[in-house]
Amino acid sequence: MATIQISQTTQKKLFEVASRLQLKIKKRVSFDEAIRHLLDQTKVEGKNKQRFASFYGCARGTVEEARKLLRELRAEGESRLEKLGT
C-alpha cells in the first residue's frame, strides 16, 4: 500500500465523497474506494462527453453558420409572435 500526501482541504473533500458513497451503498468505504469511485465517475463523464460530441458532429456546416441559422430562426419566431400580438 502506498502513502500519498494531500492537503487538509482535499482530505475533507475526500471524506465528504466517502461519506456520500457510504450512504449510497450502505456500507463502510475506505479512502481508496472513494478515490476509485471518483476515477470511475470521471471515466464515465468522459465517455458521455464523447457520445455528446458524436451527436454534435452530425450537424453540417461551421459554428458560425449554425449561429446564423439560429439567429434567422429566432427572428422568424419573433416576427410570428408580433403578428399574433396585433
Protein backbone atom coordinates (compact mmCIF):
# COMPACT_ATOMS: atom_id res chain seq x y z
CA MET A 1 0.00 0.00 0.00
CA ALA A 2 1.35 3.43 -0.97
CA THR A 3 1.16 6.63 1.03
CA ILE A 4 0.17 9.90 -0.60
CA GLN A 5 0.23 13.41 0.79
CA ILE A 6 -2.86 15.57 0.41
CA SER A 7 -3.87 18.88 1.93
CA GLN A 8 -6.36 19.05 4.76
CA THR A 9 -8.87 20.64 2.37
CA THR A 10 -8.55 17.75 -0.06
CA GLN A 11 -8.79 15.27 2.80
CA LYS A 12 -12.01 16.92 4.00
CA LYS A 13 -13.50 16.82 0.49
CA LEU A 14 -12.47 13.19 0.06
CA PHE A 15 -14.08 12.39 3.40
CA GLU A 16 -17.31 14.02 2.15
CA VAL A 17 -17.19 11.91 -1.02
CA ALA A 18 -16.59 8.77 1.05
CA SER A 19 -19.50 9.70 3.34
CA ARG A 20 -21.91 10.18 0.43
CA LEU A 21 -20.73 6.92 -1.10
CA GLN A 22 -21.28 5.12 2.22
CA LEU A 23 -24.85 6.47 2.38
CA LYS A 24 -25.46 5.40 -1.20
CA ILE A 25 -24.19 1.82 -0.94
CA LYS A 26 -24.99 1.42 2.76
CA LYS A 27 -21.59 0.05 3.74
CA ARG A 28 -18.35 1.44 5.09
CA VAL A 29 -15.88 2.61 2.41
CA SER A 30 -12.21 3.47 2.54
CA PHE A 31 -10.50 6.48 1.02
CA ASP A 32 -9.16 4.09 -1.62
CA GLU A 33 -12.70 3.11 -2.61
CA ALA A 34 -13.75 6.77 -2.65
CA ILE A 35 -10.85 7.64 -4.94
CA ARG A 36 -11.65 4.71 -7.25
CA HIS A 37 -15.29 5.87 -7.32
CA LEU A 38 -14.16 9.37 -8.36
CA LEU A 39 -11.89 7.94 -11.05
CA ASP A 40 -14.68 5.73 -12.39
CA GLN A 41 -17.04 8.70 -12.40
CA THR A 42 -14.52 10.75 -14.38
CA LYS A 43 -14.17 7.91 -16.87
CA VAL A 44 -17.96 7.73 -17.36
CA GLU A 45 -18.22 11.50 -17.76
CA GLY A 46 -15.51 11.36 -20.42
CA LYS A 47 -17.47 8.72 -22.32
CA ASN A 48 -20.63 10.83 -22.04
CA LYS A 49 -18.75 13.81 -23.49
CA GLN A 50 -17.59 11.64 -26.39
CA ARG A 51 -21.17 10.47 -27.03
CA PHE A 52 -22.43 14.05 -26.93
CA ALA A 53 -19.67 15.13 -29.31
CA SER A 54 -20.71 12.45 -31.77
CA PHE A 55 -24.25 13.89 -31.81
CA TYR A 56 -22.88 17.39 -32.26
CA GLY A 57 -20.73 16.15 -35.10
CA CYS A 58 -23.79 15.20 -37.12
CA ALA A 59 -24.58 18.90 -37.70
CA ARG A 60 -23.46 20.21 -41.05
CA GLY A 61 -21.51 23.42 -41.56
CA THR A 62 -19.46 25.64 -39.31
CA VAL A 63 -20.33 27.04 -35.91
CA GLU A 64 -20.82 30.47 -37.46
CA GLU A 65 -23.28 29.03 -40.00
CA ALA A 66 -25.18 27.37 -37.16
CA ARG A 67 -25.31 30.65 -35.22
CA LYS A 68 -26.54 32.49 -38.31
CA LEU A 69 -29.29 29.92 -38.80
CA LEU A 70 -30.32 30.19 -35.15
CA ARG A 71 -30.48 33.99 -35.41
CA GLU A 72 -32.65 33.71 -38.52
CA LEU A 73 -34.97 31.21 -36.86
CA ARG A 74 -35.22 33.37 -33.74
CA ALA A 75 -36.07 36.46 -35.83
CA GLU A 76 -38.68 34.47 -37.72
CA GLY A 77 -40.24 33.28 -34.45
CA GLU A 78 -40.29 36.81 -33.02
CA SER A 79 -41.92 38.07 -36.20
CA ARG A 80 -44.66 35.45 -35.88
CA LEU A 81 -45.23 36.41 -32.24
CA GLU A 82 -45.55 40.09 -33.17
CA LYS A 83 -48.17 39.23 -35.80
CA LEU A 84 -50.14 37.25 -33.23
CA GLY A 85 -49.97 40.15 -30.77
CA THR A 86 -51.50 42.70 -33.17
